[in-house]
Amino acid sequence: MRMNRQNEDKLTEMDRLYRENDKYKEDLSSIALKYDLDSIEKNAKCLEASLEWSLAIVTIMPELNKKVESMFSCGICNGIADKITVLQPCSHTFCAKCLDN
């Protein structure tokens, strides 16, 4: 009789564990549906690529700035040309004010 009681207790405990396991599976499925884990992983990869691209841009920005400044600097005041005037055929750039003066 005692052996049957122990077996029943073990079976009851196993049933409880199976039900608990099923609940965890349902919870996990619910979380996966709610948060679309595949999409999150893809977004993370895109963010990493975007970060790498941004860092590359930041690295070349000072040189790009220098080139832009040299292209649009006034040949008279040496500042960035205000109301750019480009002379033809030489393509020199000047501020409209500097040329007027």
N, C-alpha and C. Protein backbone atom coordinates (compact mmCIF):
# COMPACT_ATOMS: atom_id res chain seq x y z
N MET A 1 0.82 -1.18 0.00
CA MET A 1 0.00 0.00 0.00
C MET A 1 0.87 1.25 0.00
N ARG A 2 1.94 1.19 0.81
CA ARG A 2 2.83 2.33 0.91
C ARG A 2 3.51 2.59 -0.44
N MET A 3 3.90 1.55 -1.17
CA MET A 3 4.54 1.68 -2.46
C MET A 3 3.61 2.34 -3.47
N ASN A 4 2.34 2.00 -3.42
CA ASN A 4 1.36 2.61 -4.32
C ASN A 4 1.22 4.10 -4.04
N ARG A 5 1.26 4.47 -2.78
CA ARG A 5 1.14 5.88 -2.39
C ARG A 5 2.35 6.67 -2.91
N GLN A 6 3.53 6.08 -2.80
CA GLN A 6 4.74 6.74 -3.30
C GLN A 6 4.68 6.90 -4.83
N ASN A 7 4.20 5.85 -5.48
CA ASN A 7 4.06 5.90 -6.94
C ASN A 7 3.05 6.98 -7.35
N GLU A 8 1.96 7.04 -6.62
CA GLU A 8 0.94 8.06 -6.90
C GLU A 8 1.50 9.46 -6.69
N ASP A 9 2.28 9.63 -5.63
CA ASP A 9 2.90 10.93 -5.37
C ASP A 9 3.87 11.31 -6.49
N LYS A 10 4.63 10.33 -6.95
CA LYS A 10 5.57 10.58 -8.03
C LYS A 10 4.83 10.94 -9.32
N LEU A 11 3.76 10.22 -9.61
CA LEU A 11 2.97 10.51 -10.80
C LEU A 11 2.33 11.90 -10.72
N THR A 12 1.83 12.23 -9.54
CA THR A 12 1.25 13.55 -9.33
C THR A 12 2.29 14.64 -9.55
N GLU A 13 3.47 14.43 -9.02
CA GLU A 13 4.55 15.39 -9.19
C GLU A 13 4.96 15.50 -10.66
N MET A 14 5.02 14.37 -11.36
CA MET A 14 5.35 14.40 -12.78
C MET A 14 4.29 15.15 -13.58
N ASP A 15 3.03 14.92 -13.27
CA ASP A 15 1.95 15.65 -13.94
C ASP A 15 2.09 17.16 -13.72
N ARG A 16 2.39 17.52 -12.48
CA ARG A 16 2.55 18.93 -12.15
C ARG A 16 3.71 19.54 -12.95
N LEU A 17 4.82 18.80 -13.03
CA LEU A 17 5.98 19.28 -13.79
C LEU A 17 5.68 19.41 -15.28
N TYR A 18 4.95 18.45 -15.84
CA TYR A 18 4.56 18.54 -17.25
C TYR A 18 3.67 19.76 -17.50
N ARG A 19 2.71 19.99 -16.61
CA ARG A 19 1.84 21.17 -16.76
C ARG A 19 2.65 22.46 -16.66
N GLU A 20 3.59 22.50 -15.73
CA GLU A 20 4.44 23.67 -15.56
C GLU A 20 5.30 23.88 -16.81
N ASN A 21 5.84 22.79 -17.33
CA ASN A 21 6.65 22.85 -18.54
C ASN A 21 5.82 23.38 -19.72
N ASP A 22 4.59 22.88 -19.85
CA ASP A 22 3.70 23.35 -20.91
C ASP A 22 3.42 24.85 -20.77
N LYS A 23 3.24 25.29 -19.53
CA LYS A 23 2.99 26.72 -19.29
C LYS A 23 4.19 27.54 -19.72
N TYR A 24 5.40 27.08 -19.39
CA TYR A 24 6.61 27.80 -19.80
C TYR A 24 6.72 27.85 -21.33
N LYS A 25 6.38 26.75 -21.99
CA LYS A 25 6.41 26.72 -23.45
C LYS A 25 5.43 27.74 -24.03
N GLU A 26 4.23 27.79 -23.46
CA GLU A 26 3.23 28.76 -23.91
C GLU A 26 3.72 30.19 -23.68
N ASP A 27 4.31 30.44 -22.51
CA ASP A 27 4.84 31.77 -22.21
C ASP A 27 5.93 32.16 -23.21
N LEU A 28 6.81 31.22 -23.49
CA LEU A 28 7.90 31.48 -24.43
C LEU A 28 7.36 31.75 -25.83
N SER A 29 6.38 30.98 -26.26
CA SER A 29 5.77 31.20 -27.56
C SER A 29 5.10 32.57 -27.62
N SER A 30 4.44 32.92 -26.55
CA SER A 30 3.78 34.22 -26.47
C SER A 30 4.80 35.36 -26.57
N ILE A 31 5.91 35.22 -25.87
CA ILE A 31 6.97 36.24 -25.91
C ILE A 31 7.54 36.32 -27.32
N ALA A 32 7.80 35.18 -27.94
CA ALA A 32 8.37 35.17 -29.29
C ALA A 32 7.43 35.85 -30.27
N LEU A 33 6.12 35.61 -30.16
CA LEU A 33 5.16 36.26 -31.03
C LEU A 33 5.07 37.76 -30.76
N LYS A 34 5.10 38.11 -29.49
CA LYS A 34 4.94 39.52 -29.11
C LYS A 34 6.12 40.36 -29.57
N TYR A 35 7.32 39.84 -29.41
CA TYR A 35 8.52 40.64 -29.68
C TYR A 35 9.20 40.31 -31.00
N ASP A 36 8.73 39.31 -31.73
CA ASP A 36 9.31 38.93 -33.01
C ASP A 36 10.84 38.91 -32.91
N LEU A 37 11.35 37.92 -32.20
CA LEU A 37 12.77 37.84 -31.90
C LEU A 37 13.66 37.84 -33.14
N ASP A 38 13.19 37.25 -34.24
CA ASP A 38 13.98 37.26 -35.48
C ASP A 38 14.15 38.70 -35.98
N SER A 39 13.07 39.44 -35.90
CA SER A 39 13.12 40.84 -36.34
C SER A 39 14.07 41.65 -35.47
N ILE A 40 14.05 41.39 -34.17
CA ILE A 40 14.95 42.10 -33.26
C ILE A 40 16.39 41.80 -33.61
N GLU A 41 16.69 40.55 -33.93
CA GLU A 41 18.06 40.18 -34.29
C GLU A 41 18.47 40.87 -35.60
N LYS A 42 17.56 40.90 -36.58
CA LYS A 42 17.87 41.58 -37.85
C LYS A 42 18.09 43.07 -37.61
N ASN A 43 17.26 43.68 -36.78
CA ASN A 43 17.43 45.10 -36.48
C ASN A 43 18.76 45.37 -35.79
N ALA A 44 19.16 44.48 -34.91
CA ALA A 44 20.45 44.65 -34.22
C ALA A 44 21.59 44.62 -35.23
N LYS A 45 21.52 43.71 -36.20
CA LYS A 45 22.56 43.64 -37.23
C LYS A 45 22.58 44.90 -38.08
N CYS A 46 21.40 45.41 -38.40
CA CYS A 46 21.32 46.66 -39.18
C CYS A 46 21.90 47.82 -38.38
N LEU A 47 21.61 47.86 -37.09
CA LEU A 47 22.16 48.93 -36.25
C LEU A 47 23.68 48.85 -36.18
N GLU A 48 24.21 47.64 -36.09
CA GLU A 48 25.67 47.47 -36.08
C GLU A 48 26.28 48.00 -37.37
N ALA A 49 25.67 47.65 -38.50
CA ALA A 49 26.18 48.12 -39.80
C ALA A 49 26.07 49.63 -39.89
N SER A 50 24.99 50.18 -39.39
CA SER A 50 24.80 51.63 -39.40
C SER A 50 25.85 52.32 -38.54
N LEU A 51 26.16 51.73 -37.40
CA LEU A 51 27.19 52.29 -36.53
C LEU A 51 28.55 52.29 -37.22
N GLU A 52 28.89 51.19 -37.89
CA GLU A 52 30.16 51.11 -38.61
C GLU A 52 30.22 52.18 -39.70
N TRP A 53 29.11 52.35 -40.44
CA TRP A 53 29.04 53.35 -41.50
C TRP A 53 29.19 54.75 -40.90
N SER A 54 28.51 55.01 -39.80
CA SER A 54 28.59 56.32 -39.14
C SER A 54 30.00 56.63 -38.68
N LEU A 55 30.67 55.64 -38.11
CA LEU A 55 32.05 55.84 -37.67
C LEU A 55 32.98 56.13 -38.86
N ALA A 56 32.73 55.47 -39.98
CA ALA A 56 33.53 55.73 -41.18
C ALA A 56 33.31 57.17 -41.66
N ILE A 57 32.07 57.63 -41.64
CA ILE A 57 31.75 59.00 -42.05
C ILE A 57 32.41 60.00 -41.12
N VAL A 58 32.32 59.75 -39.82
CA VAL A 58 32.93 60.66 -38.84
C VAL A 58 34.44 60.73 -39.06
N THR A 59 35.04 59.63 -39.45
CA THR A 59 36.48 59.59 -39.68
C THR A 59 36.89 60.46 -40.87
N ILE A 60 36.10 60.45 -41.94
CA ILE A 60 36.47 61.23 -43.13
C ILE A 60 35.94 62.66 -43.11
N MET A 61 35.09 62.98 -42.14
CA MET A 61 34.46 64.31 -42.09
C MET A 61 35.46 65.47 -42.06
N PRO A 62 36.53 65.46 -41.25
CA PRO A 62 37.46 66.59 -41.23
C PRO A 62 38.09 66.85 -42.61
N GLU A 63 38.48 65.78 -43.30
CA GLU A 63 39.07 65.95 -44.62
C GLU A 63 38.04 66.49 -45.62
N LEU A 64 36.83 65.97 -45.53
CA LEU A 64 35.75 66.44 -46.40
C LEU A 64 35.46 67.91 -46.14
N ASN A 65 35.46 68.31 -44.86
CA ASN A 65 35.25 69.72 -44.49
C ASN A 65 36.31 70.61 -45.13
N LYS A 66 37.56 70.18 -45.05
CA LYS A 66 38.65 70.97 -45.64
C LYS A 66 38.45 71.16 -47.14
N LYS A 67 38.04 70.07 -47.82
CA LYS A 67 37.83 70.14 -49.26
C LYS A 67 36.68 71.09 -49.59
N VAL A 68 35.61 71.00 -48.85
CA VAL A 68 34.46 71.88 -49.09
C VAL A 68 34.85 73.33 -48.82
N GLU A 69 35.56 73.56 -47.71
CA GLU A 69 36.00 74.92 -47.40
C GLU A 69 36.90 75.47 -48.50
N SER A 70 37.80 74.65 -49.02
CA SER A 70 38.70 75.14 -50.08
C SER A 70 37.92 75.42 -51.36
N MET A 71 36.90 74.64 -51.64
CA MET A 71 36.10 74.86 -52.85
C MET A 71 35.26 76.13 -52.76
N PHE A 72 34.82 76.47 -51.55
CA PHE A 72 33.91 77.60 -51.39
C PHE A 72 34.51 78.76 -50.62
N SER A 73 35.83 78.80 -50.54
CA SER A 73 36.45 79.92 -49.81
C SER A 73 36.64 81.09 -50.78
N CYS A 74 36.50 82.25 -50.23
CA CYS A 74 36.65 83.49 -51.00
C CYS A 74 38.14 83.75 -51.21
N GLY A 75 38.49 84.07 -52.44
CA GLY A 75 39.89 84.36 -52.76
C GLY A 75 40.37 85.70 -52.22
N ILE A 76 39.46 86.52 -51.71
CA ILE A 76 39.85 87.83 -51.18
C ILE A 76 39.93 87.81 -49.66
N CYS A 77 38.83 87.43 -48.99
CA CYS A 77 38.82 87.44 -47.51
C CYS A 77 39.24 86.11 -46.90
N ASN A 78 39.38 85.08 -47.72
CA ASN A 78 39.77 83.72 -47.31
C ASN A 78 38.76 83.02 -46.39
N GLY A 79 37.59 83.60 -46.21
CA GLY A 79 36.53 82.95 -45.45
C GLY A 79 35.65 82.13 -46.38
N ILE A 80 34.66 81.44 -45.80
CA ILE A 80 33.69 80.75 -46.64
C ILE A 80 32.89 81.83 -47.36
N ALA A 81 32.81 81.71 -48.68
CA ALA A 81 32.18 82.74 -49.49
C ALA A 81 30.70 82.89 -49.13
N ASP A 82 30.31 84.14 -48.94
CA ASP A 82 28.92 84.48 -48.68
C ASP A 82 28.33 84.96 -50.00
N LYS A 83 27.22 84.40 -50.41
CA LYS A 83 26.64 84.69 -51.73
C LYS A 83 27.73 84.47 -52.78
N ILE A 84 28.07 83.22 -52.96
CA ILE A 84 29.19 82.80 -53.81
C ILE A 84 29.05 83.34 -55.23
N THR A 85 30.14 83.89 -55.69
CA THR A 85 30.24 84.32 -57.08
C THR A 85 31.42 83.56 -57.68
N VAL A 86 31.16 82.86 -58.76
CA VAL A 86 32.20 82.06 -59.42
C VAL A 86 32.55 82.75 -60.74
N LEU A 87 33.82 83.08 -60.88
CA LEU A 87 34.28 83.73 -62.11
C LEU A 87 34.52 82.70 -63.20
N GLN A 88 34.21 83.08 -64.41
CA GLN A 88 34.42 82.21 -65.57
C GLN A 88 35.50 82.81 -66.45
N PRO A 89 36.33 82.13 -67.04
CA PRO A 89 36.42 80.67 -67.16
C PRO A 89 37.29 80.04 -66.08
N CYS A 90 37.86 80.84 -65.14
CA CYS A 90 38.84 80.29 -64.18
C CYS A 90 38.20 79.55 -63.01
N SER A 91 36.91 79.76 -62.73
CA SER A 91 36.16 79.12 -61.65
C SER A 91 36.65 79.50 -60.25
N HIS A 92 37.30 80.65 -60.10
CA HIS A 92 37.66 81.13 -58.76
C HIS A 92 36.39 81.60 -58.06
N THR A 93 36.32 81.37 -56.72
CA THR A 93 35.12 81.75 -55.97
C THR A 93 35.43 82.94 -55.07
N PHE A 94 34.43 83.82 -54.95
CA PHE A 94 34.55 85.02 -54.13
C PHE A 94 33.20 85.32 -53.49
N CYS A 95 33.23 86.08 -52.42
CA CYS A 95 32.00 86.63 -51.84
C CYS A 95 31.51 87.71 -52.79
N ALA A 96 30.23 87.84 -52.93
CA ALA A 96 29.70 88.91 -53.76
C ALA A 96 30.14 90.27 -53.23
N LYS A 97 30.15 90.45 -51.89
CA LYS A 97 30.57 91.71 -51.27
C LYS A 97 32.03 92.03 -51.56
N CYS A 98 32.88 91.02 -51.45
CA CYS A 98 34.32 91.24 -51.69
C CYS A 98 34.54 91.70 -53.12
N LEU A 99 33.83 91.12 -54.08
CA LEU A 99 34.00 91.52 -55.48
C LEU A 99 33.47 92.92 -55.71
N ASP A 100 32.35 93.27 -55.04
CA ASP A 100 31.79 94.61 -55.17
C ASP A 100 32.74 95.67 -54.64
N ASN A 101 33.45 95.34 -53.54
CA ASN A 101 34.37 96.30 -52.94
C ASN A 101 35.59 96.41 -53.80
